[in-house]
Amino acid sequence: MRILVTGGAGFIGSHLIDRLMNEQHEVICLDNFYTGNKQNISKWIGHPHFESIRHDITEPIRLEVEQIYHLACPASPVHYQYNPIKTAKVSFLGTSNMLGLAKRVKARFLLASTSEVYGDPDVHPQPEEYHGNVNPIGIRSCYDEGKRIAETLSFDYHRQHNVAIRVARIFNTYGPRMLENDGRVVSNFIAQSLQGNPLTVYGDGSQTRSFCYVTDLVDGLVKLMNGDQIGPINLGNPEEYTILELAEKIRDRINPEREISFKPLPQDDPKQRKPDITKAKTRLNWQPTISLAAGLTETIAEFKQRLKV
């Protein structure tokens, strides 16, 4: 197939491109390289079935494709809060442009939505039926509300124009190629440990997250795209850890002498985050297979190589 991946030079996008290229598809990577990195796709440059286009999806583009994986959007607080207006525009205008393309060429469209649509949840774990607890004017809302409107647009294009959509709600994902400065806990803790700095935990570290290894997530995205479920469907690992537990696991692997420093909790930081993946299991026959221990081993090894430590 001829497949478009927006945000294809990013962390998740590049792993998805690896999978699609290895399956012999023709792949077009669309990225403005704001948080994407050319190194992530360098091995495919020059391949006859691969094309990379530098493009900002807030501007329309005309391409002929059969499937669109729409991943383009800064996904970590450091990056999406740096230019919150641009973040909101990527979610609204960018998604609108990609849905318009899907409508024109009759492509199947997968939206990479997020667990952030649940906000700071008062239902735990979070099922897809839960409508969330989001602050529409908070510092995270450029991303939270951006993805909520992206879901709205997707379903309206489906209902009004019969566009074949798929919506994945992605929970915390980690693995090789994460940006070391993206402010996410796994990359933060690994980079801080390797560089000999104290590990920064916000609040008392009792807030929880669930961590899905990136190749598990990619498998879920491909199954959703090629199955008959529209979604939204949660994709994530239901194993739950406190942030303090995660910090200690990473520190003890790299540098057990490192201290942990505690800082105030940012505004609207969710206290609990864990996916209910019943739908993914029953409707996609998908569940994560890679343990946190195994995934951290791969991620730390790649960070060591990249940071030259």
C-alpha atoms as a PDB file:
ATOM      1  CA  MET A   1       0.000   0.000   0.000  1.00  0.00           C
ATOM      2  CA  ARG A   2       0.930   3.667  -0.317  1.00  0.00           C
ATOM      3  CA  ILE A   3       0.861   5.037   3.225  1.00  0.00           C
ATOM      4  CA  LEU A   4       1.323   8.552   4.628  1.00  0.00           C
ATOM      5  CA  VAL A   5       2.700   9.039   8.157  1.00  0.00           C
ATOM      6  CA  THR A   6       2.454  12.597   9.493  1.00  0.00           C
ATOM      7  CA  GLY A   7       5.017  13.248  12.206  1.00  0.00           C
ATOM      8  CA  GLY A   8       6.940  10.330  10.731  1.00  0.00           C
ATOM      9  CA  ALA A   9      10.363  11.556  11.889  1.00  0.00           C
ATOM     10  CA  GLY A  10       9.203  11.662  15.506  1.00  0.00           C
ATOM     11  CA  PHE A  11       9.641   9.070  18.238  1.00  0.00           C
ATOM     12  CA  ILE A  12       6.542   6.931  17.582  1.00  0.00           C
ATOM     13  CA  GLY A  13       6.239   7.867  13.893  1.00  0.00           C
ATOM     14  CA  SER A  14       9.714   6.618  13.015  1.00  0.00           C
ATOM     15  CA  HIS A  15       9.110   3.257  14.720  1.00  0.00           C
ATOM     16  CA  LEU A  16       5.845   2.983  12.777  1.00  0.00           C
ATOM     17  CA  ILE A  17       7.701   3.755   9.532  1.00  0.00           C
ATOM     18  CA  ASP A  18      10.228   0.992  10.336  1.00  0.00           C
ATOM     19  CA  ARG A  19       7.343  -1.454  10.679  1.00  0.00           C
ATOM     20  CA  LEU A  20       5.589  -0.321   7.475  1.00  0.00           C
ATOM     21  CA  MET A  21       8.809  -0.338   5.429  1.00  0.00           C
ATOM     22  CA  ASN A  22       9.689  -3.816   6.686  1.00  0.00           C
ATOM     23  CA  GLU A  23       6.230  -4.914   5.511  1.00  0.00           C
ATOM     24  CA  GLN A  24       7.125  -3.684   1.979  1.00  0.00           C
ATOM     25  CA  HIS A  25       4.704  -0.745   1.822  1.00  0.00           C
ATOM     26  CA  GLU A  26       5.420   2.532   0.038  1.00  0.00           C
ATOM     27  CA  VAL A  27       5.748   5.146   2.769  1.00  0.00           C
ATOM     28  CA  ILE A  28       5.641   8.944   2.676  1.00  0.00           C
ATOM     29  CA  CYS A  29       6.934  10.688   5.803  1.00  0.00           C
ATOM     30  CA  LEU A  30       5.527  14.186   6.359  1.00  0.00           C
ATOM     31  CA  ASP A  31       7.280  16.212   9.073  1.00  0.00           C
ATOM     32  CA  ASN A  32       8.270  19.833   9.749  1.00  0.00           C
ATOM     33  CA  PHE A  33      11.079  18.591  12.049  1.00  0.00           C
ATOM     34  CA  TYR A  34       9.963  20.720  15.001  1.00  0.00           C
ATOM     35  CA  THR A  35      10.321  17.736  17.352  1.00  0.00           C
ATOM     36  CA  GLY A  36      11.085  15.109  14.690  1.00  0.00           C
ATOM     37  CA  ASN A  37      14.665  14.144  13.886  1.00  0.00           C
ATOM     38  CA  LYS A  38      16.095  13.203  10.478  1.00  0.00           C
ATOM     39  CA  GLN A  39      18.345  10.639  12.188  1.00  0.00           C
ATOM     40  CA  ASN A  40      15.224   8.643  13.087  1.00  0.00           C
ATOM     41  CA  ILE A  41      14.455   7.979   9.401  1.00  0.00           C
ATOM     42  CA  SER A  42      17.981   8.231   7.942  1.00  0.00           C
ATOM     43  CA  LYS A  43      18.239   4.507   7.193  1.00  0.00           C
ATOM     44  CA  TRP A  44      15.312   4.772   4.761  1.00  0.00           C
ATOM     45  CA  ILE A  45      16.537   7.858   2.860  1.00  0.00           C
ATOM     46  CA  GLY A  46      17.244   6.793  -0.726  1.00  0.00           C
ATOM     47  CA  HIS A  47      15.093   3.645  -0.481  1.00  0.00           C
ATOM     48  CA  PRO A  48      12.894   3.399  -3.605  1.00  0.00           C
ATOM     49  CA  HIS A  49       9.751   2.869  -1.491  1.00  0.00           C
ATOM     50  CA  PHE A  50      10.381   5.782   0.890  1.00  0.00           C
ATOM     51  CA  GLU A  51       9.866   9.512   0.529  1.00  0.00           C
ATOM     52  CA  SER A  52      10.403  12.257   3.116  1.00  0.00           C
ATOM     53  CA  ILE A  53       8.682  15.628   2.699  1.00  0.00           C
ATOM     54  CA  ARG A  54       9.355  18.626   4.949  1.00  0.00           C
ATOM     55  CA  HIS A  55       5.901  20.105   5.417  1.00  0.00           C
ATOM     56  CA  ASP A  56       3.843  21.846   8.086  1.00  0.00           C
ATOM     57  CA  ILE A  57       0.402  20.219   8.172  1.00  0.00           C
ATOM     58  CA  THR A  58      -1.302  23.467   9.142  1.00  0.00           C
ATOM     59  CA  GLU A  59      -0.940  24.065   5.379  1.00  0.00           C
ATOM     60  CA  PRO A  60      -2.840  21.760   2.970  1.00  0.00           C
ATOM     61  CA  ILE A  61      -0.972  19.268   0.783  1.00  0.00           C
ATOM     62  CA  ARG A  62      -2.087  17.093  -2.127  1.00  0.00           C
ATOM     63  CA  LEU A  63      -0.875  13.498  -2.210  1.00  0.00           C
ATOM     64  CA  GLU A  64      -2.166  10.164  -3.481  1.00  0.00           C
ATOM     65  CA  VAL A  65      -2.269   7.630  -0.626  1.00  0.00           C
ATOM     66  CA  GLU A  66      -4.409   4.754   0.621  1.00  0.00           C
ATOM     67  CA  GLN A  67      -3.864   5.133   4.361  1.00  0.00           C
ATOM     68  CA  ILE A  68      -2.982   8.097   6.598  1.00  0.00           C
ATOM     69  CA  TYR A  69      -1.477   7.649  10.056  1.00  0.00           C
ATOM     70  CA  HIS A  70      -1.872  11.116  11.561  1.00  0.00           C
ATOM     71  CA  LEU A  71       0.693  11.399  14.360  1.00  0.00           C
ATOM     72  CA  ALA A  72       1.974  14.962  13.830  1.00  0.00           C
ATOM     73  CA  CYS A  73       1.755  17.025  17.029  1.00  0.00           C
ATOM     74  CA  PRO A  74       4.207  17.938  19.808  1.00  0.00           C
ATOM     75  CA  ALA A  75       3.338  15.399  22.504  1.00  0.00           C
ATOM     76  CA  SER A  76       5.337  16.353  25.590  1.00  0.00           C
ATOM     77  CA  PRO A  77       4.544  19.297  27.902  1.00  0.00           C
ATOM     78  CA  VAL A  78       7.927  20.954  27.265  1.00  0.00           C
ATOM     79  CA  HIS A  79       7.273  21.081  23.525  1.00  0.00           C
ATOM     80  CA  TYR A  80       3.533  21.633  23.353  1.00  0.00           C
ATOM     81  CA  GLN A  81       3.646  24.430  25.954  1.00  0.00           C
ATOM     82  CA  TYR A  82       6.573  26.167  24.205  1.00  0.00           C
ATOM     83  CA  ASN A  83       4.182  27.420  21.506  1.00  0.00           C
ATOM     84  CA  PRO A  84       0.675  26.567  22.733  1.00  0.00           C
ATOM     85  CA  ILE A  85      -1.126  28.429  19.941  1.00  0.00           C
ATOM     86  CA  LYS A  86       0.802  26.473  17.312  1.00  0.00           C
ATOM     87  CA  THR A  87       0.013  23.236  19.180  1.00  0.00           C
ATOM     88  CA  ALA A  88      -3.711  23.983  19.078  1.00  0.00           C
ATOM     89  CA  LYS A  89      -3.479  24.902  15.376  1.00  0.00           C
ATOM     90  CA  VAL A  90      -1.696  21.626  14.558  1.00  0.00           C
ATOM     91  CA  SER A  91      -4.496  19.684  16.248  1.00  0.00           C
ATOM     92  CA  PHE A  92      -7.308  21.649  14.617  1.00  0.00           C
ATOM     93  CA  LEU A  93      -6.029  22.890  11.242  1.00  0.00           C
ATOM     94  CA  GLY A  94      -3.593  20.012  10.732  1.00  0.00           C
ATOM     95  CA  THR A  95      -6.209  17.362  11.469  1.00  0.00           C
ATOM     96  CA  SER A  96      -8.739  19.197   9.304  1.00  0.00           C
ATOM     97  CA  ASN A  97      -6.264  19.260   6.391  1.00  0.00           C
ATOM     98  CA  MET A  98      -5.433  15.562   6.745  1.00  0.00           C
ATOM     99  CA  LEU A  99      -9.110  14.592   6.985  1.00  0.00           C
ATOM    100  CA  GLY A 100      -9.761  16.701   3.888  1.00  0.00           C
ATOM    101  CA  LEU A 101      -7.011  14.781   2.093  1.00  0.00           C
ATOM    102  CA  ALA A 102      -8.480  11.448   3.262  1.00  0.00           C
ATOM    103  CA  LYS A 103     -11.889  12.537   1.975  1.00  0.00           C
ATOM    104  CA  ARG A 104     -10.513  13.561  -1.453  1.00  0.00           C
ATOM    105  CA  VAL A 105      -8.475  10.420  -2.112  1.00  0.00           C
ATOM    106  CA  LYS A 106     -10.747   8.028  -0.153  1.00  0.00           C
ATOM    107  CA  ALA A 107      -7.927   7.004   2.201  1.00  0.00           C
ATOM    108  CA  ARG A 108      -8.398   5.342   5.556  1.00  0.00           C
ATOM    109  CA  PHE A 109      -7.419   7.772   8.337  1.00  0.00           C
ATOM    110  CA  LEU A 110      -6.023   6.940  11.789  1.00  0.00           C
ATOM    111  CA  LEU A 111      -5.877   9.694  14.407  1.00  0.00           C
ATOM    112  CA  ALA A 112      -3.245   9.326  17.102  1.00  0.00           C
ATOM    113  CA  SER A 113      -5.236  10.769  19.979  1.00  0.00           C
ATOM    114  CA  THR A 114      -4.119  10.613  23.595  1.00  0.00           C
ATOM    115  CA  SER A 115      -4.991   9.629  27.145  1.00  0.00           C
ATOM    116  CA  GLU A 116      -4.765  13.378  27.852  1.00  0.00           C
ATOM    117  CA  VAL A 117      -8.357  13.651  26.577  1.00  0.00           C
ATOM    118  CA  TYR A 118      -9.293  12.186  29.976  1.00  0.00           C
ATOM    119  CA  GLY A 119      -7.568  15.106  31.747  1.00  0.00           C
ATOM    120  CA  ASP A 120      -7.032  14.582  35.480  1.00  0.00           C
ATOM    121  CA  PRO A 121      -9.407  11.608  35.654  1.00  0.00           C
ATOM    122  CA  ASP A 122     -11.828  10.922  38.495  1.00  0.00           C
ATOM    123  CA  VAL A 123     -12.568   7.465  37.028  1.00  0.00           C
ATOM    124  CA  HIS A 124      -9.849   4.817  37.341  1.00  0.00           C
ATOM    125  CA  PRO A 125      -8.779   2.998  35.208  1.00  0.00           C
ATOM    126  CA  GLN A 126     -10.039   5.038  32.257  1.00  0.00           C
ATOM    127  CA  PRO A 127     -12.470   3.335  29.820  1.00  0.00           C
ATOM    128  CA  GLU A 128     -13.234   4.842  26.421  1.00  0.00           C
ATOM    129  CA  GLU A 129     -16.750   5.772  27.590  1.00  0.00           C
ATOM    130  CA  TYR A 130     -15.354   8.198  30.188  1.00  0.00           C
ATOM    131  CA  HIS A 131     -15.664  11.789  28.929  1.00  0.00           C
ATOM    132  CA  GLY A 132     -12.806  13.162  30.980  1.00  0.00           C
ATOM    133  CA  ASN A 133     -12.068  15.946  33.446  1.00  0.00           C
ATOM    134  CA  VAL A 134     -10.195  18.562  31.412  1.00  0.00           C
ATOM    135  CA  ASN A 135      -9.473  22.188  32.280  1.00  0.00           C
ATOM    136  CA  PRO A 136     -10.280  24.033  29.014  1.00  0.00           C
ATOM    137  CA  ILE A 137      -8.190  27.099  29.954  1.00  0.00           C
ATOM    138  CA  GLY A 138      -5.211  25.468  31.709  1.00  0.00           C
ATOM    139  CA  ILE A 139      -1.596  25.360  30.548  1.00  0.00           C
ATOM    140  CA  ARG A 140      -2.043  21.808  29.197  1.00  0.00           C
ATOM    141  CA  SER A 141      -5.299  22.519  27.349  1.00  0.00           C
ATOM    142  CA  CYS A 142      -3.590  23.449  24.050  1.00  0.00           C
ATOM    143  CA  TYR A 143      -2.807  19.717  23.815  1.00  0.00           C
ATOM    144  CA  ASP A 144      -5.705  18.165  25.791  1.00  0.00           C
ATOM    145  CA  GLU A 145      -8.417  20.198  24.087  1.00  0.00           C
ATOM    146  CA  GLY A 146      -6.512  20.114  20.803  1.00  0.00           C
ATOM    147  CA  LYS A 147      -6.761  16.333  20.710  1.00  0.00           C
ATOM    148  CA  ARG A 148     -10.394  16.430  21.836  1.00  0.00           C
ATOM    149  CA  ILE A 149     -11.298  18.697  18.880  1.00  0.00           C
ATOM    150  CA  ALA A 150      -9.227  16.423  16.597  1.00  0.00           C
ATOM    151  CA  GLU A 151     -11.428  13.507  17.697  1.00  0.00           C
ATOM    152  CA  THR A 152     -14.543  15.648  17.128  1.00  0.00           C
ATOM    153  CA  LEU A 153     -13.417  16.544  13.593  1.00  0.00           C
ATOM    154  CA  SER A 154     -12.614  12.913  12.818  1.00  0.00           C
ATOM    155  CA  PHE A 155     -16.040  11.664  13.859  1.00  0.00           C
ATOM    156  CA  ASP A 156     -17.785  14.522  12.049  1.00  0.00           C
ATOM    157  CA  TYR A 157     -15.875  13.770   8.821  1.00  0.00           C
ATOM    158  CA  HIS A 158     -16.919  10.135   9.290  1.00  0.00           C
ATOM    159  CA  ARG A 159     -20.592  10.983   9.832  1.00  0.00           C
ATOM    160  CA  GLN A 160     -20.867  13.782   7.269  1.00  0.00           C
ATOM    161  CA  HIS A 161     -18.498  12.611   4.518  1.00  0.00           C
ATOM    162  CA  ASN A 162     -18.207   8.868   5.222  1.00  0.00           C
ATOM    163  CA  VAL A 163     -14.423   9.064   5.761  1.00  0.00           C
ATOM    164  CA  ALA A 164     -13.097   5.735   7.081  1.00  0.00           C
ATOM    165  CA  ILE A 165     -11.591   6.785  10.434  1.00  0.00           C
ATOM    166  CA  ARG A 166      -9.787   5.017  13.265  1.00  0.00           C
ATOM    167  CA  VAL A 167      -9.106   6.742  16.617  1.00  0.00           C
ATOM    168  CA  ALA A 168      -6.420   5.503  19.015  1.00  0.00           C
ATOM    169  CA  ARG A 169      -6.056   6.985  22.499  1.00  0.00           C
ATOM    170  CA  ILE A 170      -2.379   6.515  23.253  1.00  0.00           C
ATOM    171  CA  PHE A 171      -1.187   6.244  26.862  1.00  0.00           C
ATOM    172  CA  ASN A 172       2.385   6.911  28.038  1.00  0.00           C
ATOM    173  CA  THR A 173       4.790   5.326  25.571  1.00  0.00           C
ATOM    174  CA  TYR A 174       8.566   5.011  25.867  1.00  0.00           C
ATOM    175  CA  GLY A 175      11.508   3.493  24.041  1.00  0.00           C
ATOM    176  CA  PRO A 176      14.558   4.307  21.920  1.00  0.00           C
ATOM    177  CA  ARG A 177      14.540   7.685  20.074  1.00  0.00           C
ATOM    178  CA  MET A 178      12.626   9.559  22.771  1.00  0.00           C
ATOM    179  CA  LEU A 179      13.987  13.091  22.933  1.00  0.00           C
ATOM    180  CA  GLU A 180      16.162  13.408  26.018  1.00  0.00           C
ATOM    181  CA  ASN A 181      14.894  16.953  26.661  1.00  0.00           C
ATOM    182  CA  ASP A 182      11.168  16.319  26.185  1.00  0.00           C
ATOM    183  CA  GLY A 183      10.283  16.518  29.867  1.00  0.00           C
ATOM    184  CA  ARG A 184       8.644  13.075  29.982  1.00  0.00           C
ATOM    185  CA  VAL A 185       9.467  11.008  33.026  1.00  0.00           C
ATOM    186  CA  VAL A 186      11.221   8.048  31.369  1.00  0.00           C
ATOM    187  CA  SER A 187      13.513  10.195  29.214  1.00  0.00           C
ATOM    188  CA  ASN A 188      14.045  12.686  32.057  1.00  0.00           C
ATOM    189  CA  PHE A 189      15.102  10.040  34.558  1.00  0.00           C
ATOM    190  CA  ILE A 190      17.381   8.204  32.110  1.00  0.00           C
ATOM    191  CA  ALA A 191      19.095  11.404  30.917  1.00  0.00           C
ATOM    192  CA  GLN A 192      19.494  12.744  34.479  1.00  0.00           C
ATOM    193  CA  SER A 193      20.950   9.435  35.717  1.00  0.00           C
ATOM    194  CA  LEU A 194      23.379   9.141  32.796  1.00  0.00           C
ATOM    195  CA  GLN A 195      24.519  12.752  33.149  1.00  0.00           C
ATOM    196  CA  GLY A 196      25.074  12.424  36.895  1.00  0.00           C
ATOM    197  CA  ASN A 197      22.287  14.811  37.926  1.00  0.00           C
ATOM    198  CA  PRO A 198      19.662  14.356  40.667  1.00  0.00           C
ATOM    199  CA  LEU A 199      16.427  12.787  39.404  1.00  0.00           C
ATOM    200  CA  THR A 200      13.591  15.329  39.467  1.00  0.00           C
ATOM    201  CA  VAL A 201      10.288  14.059  40.868  1.00  0.00           C
ATOM    202  CA  TYR A 202       7.355  16.469  40.925  1.00  0.00           C
ATOM    203  CA  GLY A 203       5.065  16.388  43.953  1.00  0.00           C
ATOM    204  CA  ASP A 204       5.702  13.475  46.317  1.00  0.00           C
ATOM    205  CA  GLY A 205       5.972  10.973  43.446  1.00  0.00           C
ATOM    206  CA  SER A 206       2.772   9.146  44.396  1.00  0.00           C
ATOM    207  CA  GLN A 207       1.063  10.019  41.087  1.00  0.00           C
ATOM    208  CA  THR A 208       0.830   6.983  38.801  1.00  0.00           C
ATOM    209  CA  ARG A 209       1.434   6.300  35.117  1.00  0.00           C
ATOM    210  CA  SER A 210       1.392   3.242  32.859  1.00  0.00           C
ATOM    211  CA  PHE A 211       4.269   2.730  30.430  1.00  0.00           C
ATOM    212  CA  CYS A 212       3.905   0.996  27.061  1.00  0.00           C
ATOM    213  CA  TYR A 213       6.968   0.065  24.998  1.00  0.00           C
ATOM    214  CA  VAL A 214       6.929   1.672  21.576  1.00  0.00           C
ATOM    215  CA  THR A 215       6.922  -1.498  19.423  1.00  0.00           C
ATOM    216  CA  ASP A 216       3.915  -2.788  21.378  1.00  0.00           C
ATOM    217  CA  LEU A 217       2.134   0.477  20.665  1.00  0.00           C
ATOM    218  CA  VAL A 218       2.994   0.362  16.943  1.00  0.00           C
ATOM    219  CA  ASP A 219       1.542  -3.143  16.778  1.00  0.00           C
ATOM    220  CA  GLY A 220      -1.704  -1.783  18.261  1.00  0.00           C
ATOM    221  CA  LEU A 221      -1.831   1.099  15.774  1.00  0.00           C
ATOM    222  CA  VAL A 222      -1.364  -1.245  12.800  1.00  0.00           C
ATOM    223  CA  LYS A 223      -4.045  -3.633  14.089  1.00  0.00           C
ATOM    224  CA  LEU A 224      -6.475  -0.767  14.620  1.00  0.00           C
ATOM    225  CA  MET A 225      -5.814   0.709  11.161  1.00  0.00           C
ATOM    226  CA  ASN A 226      -6.318  -2.612   9.386  1.00  0.00           C
ATOM    227  CA  GLY A 227      -9.230  -3.896  11.457  1.00  0.00           C
ATOM    228  CA  ASP A 228     -12.917  -2.965  11.341  1.00  0.00           C
ATOM    229  CA  GLN A 229     -13.117  -0.992  14.620  1.00  0.00           C
ATOM    230  CA  ILE A 230     -13.521   2.783  14.421  1.00  0.00           C
ATOM    231  CA  GLY A 231     -12.699   3.470  18.065  1.00  0.00           C
ATOM    232  CA  PRO A 232     -11.799   5.343  20.071  1.00  0.00           C
ATOM    233  CA  ILE A 233      -9.697   2.531  21.513  1.00  0.00           C
ATOM    234  CA  ASN A 234      -7.212   2.863  24.364  1.00  0.00           C
ATOM    235  CA  LEU A 235      -3.686   1.656  23.556  1.00  0.00           C
ATOM    236  CA  GLY A 236      -1.361   1.424  26.532  1.00  0.00           C
ATOM    237  CA  ASN A 237       0.081  -0.880  29.154  1.00  0.00           C
ATOM    238  CA  PRO A 238      -2.240  -1.374  32.145  1.00  0.00           C
ATOM    239  CA  GLU A 239       0.660  -2.064  34.543  1.00  0.00           C
ATOM    240  CA  GLU A 240       0.665   0.937  36.879  1.00  0.00           C
ATOM    241  CA  TYR A 241       3.673   2.452  38.656  1.00  0.00           C
ATOM    242  CA  THR A 242       4.146   5.490  40.853  1.00  0.00           C
ATOM    243  CA  ILE A 243       6.563   8.092  39.485  1.00  0.00           C
ATOM    244  CA  LEU A 244       8.798   7.537  42.513  1.00  0.00           C
ATOM    245  CA  GLU A 245       8.917   3.779  41.781  1.00  0.00           C
ATOM    246  CA  LEU A 246       9.936   4.513  38.187  1.00  0.00           C
ATOM    247  CA  ALA A 247      12.644   6.962  39.298  1.00  0.00           C
ATOM    248  CA  GLU A 248      14.095   4.364  41.690  1.00  0.00           C
ATOM    249  CA  LYS A 249      14.024   1.605  39.040  1.00  0.00           C
ATOM    250  CA  ILE A 250      15.928   3.752  36.526  1.00  0.00           C
ATOM    251  CA  ARG A 251      18.354   5.193  39.075  1.00  0.00           C
ATOM    252  CA  ASP A 252      19.216   1.767  40.483  1.00  0.00           C
ATOM    253  CA  ARG A 253      20.014   0.446  36.980  1.00  0.00           C
ATOM    254  CA  ILE A 254      22.279   3.340  36.005  1.00  0.00           C
ATOM    255  CA  ASN A 255      23.637   5.108  39.054  1.00  0.00           C
ATOM    256  CA  PRO A 256      22.332   3.962  42.467  1.00  0.00           C
ATOM    257  CA  GLU A 257      24.213   6.810  44.198  1.00  0.00           C
ATOM    258  CA  ARG A 258      22.091   9.490  42.535  1.00  0.00           C
ATOM    259  CA  GLU A 259      19.748  11.415  44.802  1.00  0.00           C
ATOM    260  CA  ILE A 260      16.113  12.182  44.014  1.00  0.00           C
ATOM    261  CA  SER A 261      15.005  15.811  44.304  1.00  0.00           C
ATOM    262  CA  PHE A 262      11.374  16.767  44.800  1.00  0.00           C
ATOM    263  CA  LYS A 263       9.774  19.818  43.159  1.00  0.00           C
ATOM    264  CA  PRO A 264       6.218  21.251  43.210  1.00  0.00           C
ATOM    265  CA  LEU A 265       3.631  19.462  41.075  1.00  0.00           C
ATOM    266  CA  PRO A 266       2.759  21.385  37.857  1.00  0.00           C
ATOM    267  CA  GLN A 267      -0.785  22.686  37.283  1.00  0.00           C
ATOM    268  CA  ASP A 268      -3.341  20.079  36.138  1.00  0.00           C
ATOM    269  CA  ASP A 269      -0.835  17.214  36.327  1.00  0.00           C
ATOM    270  CA  PRO A 270      -2.970  14.033  36.423  1.00  0.00           C
ATOM    271  CA  LYS A 271      -2.793  12.092  39.704  1.00  0.00           C
ATOM    272  CA  GLN A 272      -3.581   8.714  38.127  1.00  0.00           C
ATOM    273  CA  ARG A 273      -3.320   7.365  34.608  1.00  0.00           C
ATOM    274  CA  LYS A 274      -4.046   3.767  33.637  1.00  0.00           C
ATOM    275  CA  PRO A 275      -5.819   2.462  30.538  1.00  0.00           C
ATOM    276  CA  ASP A 276      -8.724   0.073  30.530  1.00  0.00           C
ATOM    277  CA  ILE A 277      -7.686  -1.998  27.490  1.00  0.00           C
ATOM    278  CA  THR A 278     -10.666  -4.377  27.440  1.00  0.00           C
ATOM    279  CA  LYS A 279     -11.703  -3.136  23.967  1.00  0.00           C
ATOM    280  CA  ALA A 280      -8.173  -3.480  22.557  1.00  0.00           C
ATOM    281  CA  LYS A 281      -7.982  -7.053  23.868  1.00  0.00           C
ATOM    282  CA  THR A 282     -11.406  -8.180  22.699  1.00  0.00           C
ATOM    283  CA  ARG A 283     -11.772  -6.210  19.452  1.00  0.00           C
ATOM    284  CA  LEU A 284      -8.176  -5.946  18.192  1.00  0.00           C
ATOM    285  CA  ASN A 285      -6.720  -9.033  19.866  1.00  0.00           C
ATOM    286  CA  TRP A 286      -3.981  -6.715  21.161  1.00  0.00           C
ATOM    287  CA  GLN A 287      -2.214  -6.348  24.450  1.00  0.00           C
ATOM    288  CA  PRO A 288       1.337  -5.319  25.384  1.00  0.00           C
ATOM    289  CA  THR A 289       3.934  -8.085  25.601  1.00  0.00           C
ATOM    290  CA  ILE A 290       7.127  -6.231  26.601  1.00  0.00           C
ATOM    291  CA  SER A 291       7.723  -5.758  30.326  1.00  0.00           C
ATOM    292  CA  LEU A 292       8.920  -2.483  31.819  1.00  0.00           C
ATOM    293  CA  ALA A 293      12.209  -4.158  32.777  1.00  0.00           C
ATOM    294  CA  ALA A 294      12.883  -5.369  29.217  1.00  0.00           C
ATOM    295  CA  GLY A 295      11.794  -2.075  27.667  1.00  0.00           C
ATOM    296  CA  LEU A 296      13.977  -0.008  29.997  1.00  0.00           C
ATOM    297  CA  THR A 297      16.998  -2.152  29.093  1.00  0.00           C
ATOM    298  CA  GLU A 298      16.572  -1.307  25.388  1.00  0.00           C
ATOM    299  CA  THR A 299      15.816   2.354  26.052  1.00  0.00           C
ATOM    300  CA  ILE A 300      18.765   2.926  28.416  1.00  0.00           C
ATOM    301  CA  ALA A 301      21.172   1.221  25.971  1.00  0.00           C
ATOM    302  CA  GLU A 302      20.054   3.526  23.139  1.00  0.00           C
ATOM    303  CA  PHE A 303      20.292   6.628  25.353  1.00  0.00           C
ATOM    304  CA  LYS A 304      23.833   5.655  26.389  1.00  0.00           C
ATOM    305  CA  GLN A 305      24.863   5.329  22.750  1.00  0.00           C
ATOM    306  CA  ARG A 306      23.205   8.620  21.756  1.00  0.00           C
ATOM    307  CA  LEU A 307      24.440  10.656  24.728  1.00  0.00           C
ATOM    308  CA  LYS A 308      27.928   9.108  24.424  1.00  0.00           C
ATOM    309  CA  VAL A 309      28.127   8.097  28.098  1.00  0.00           C
END
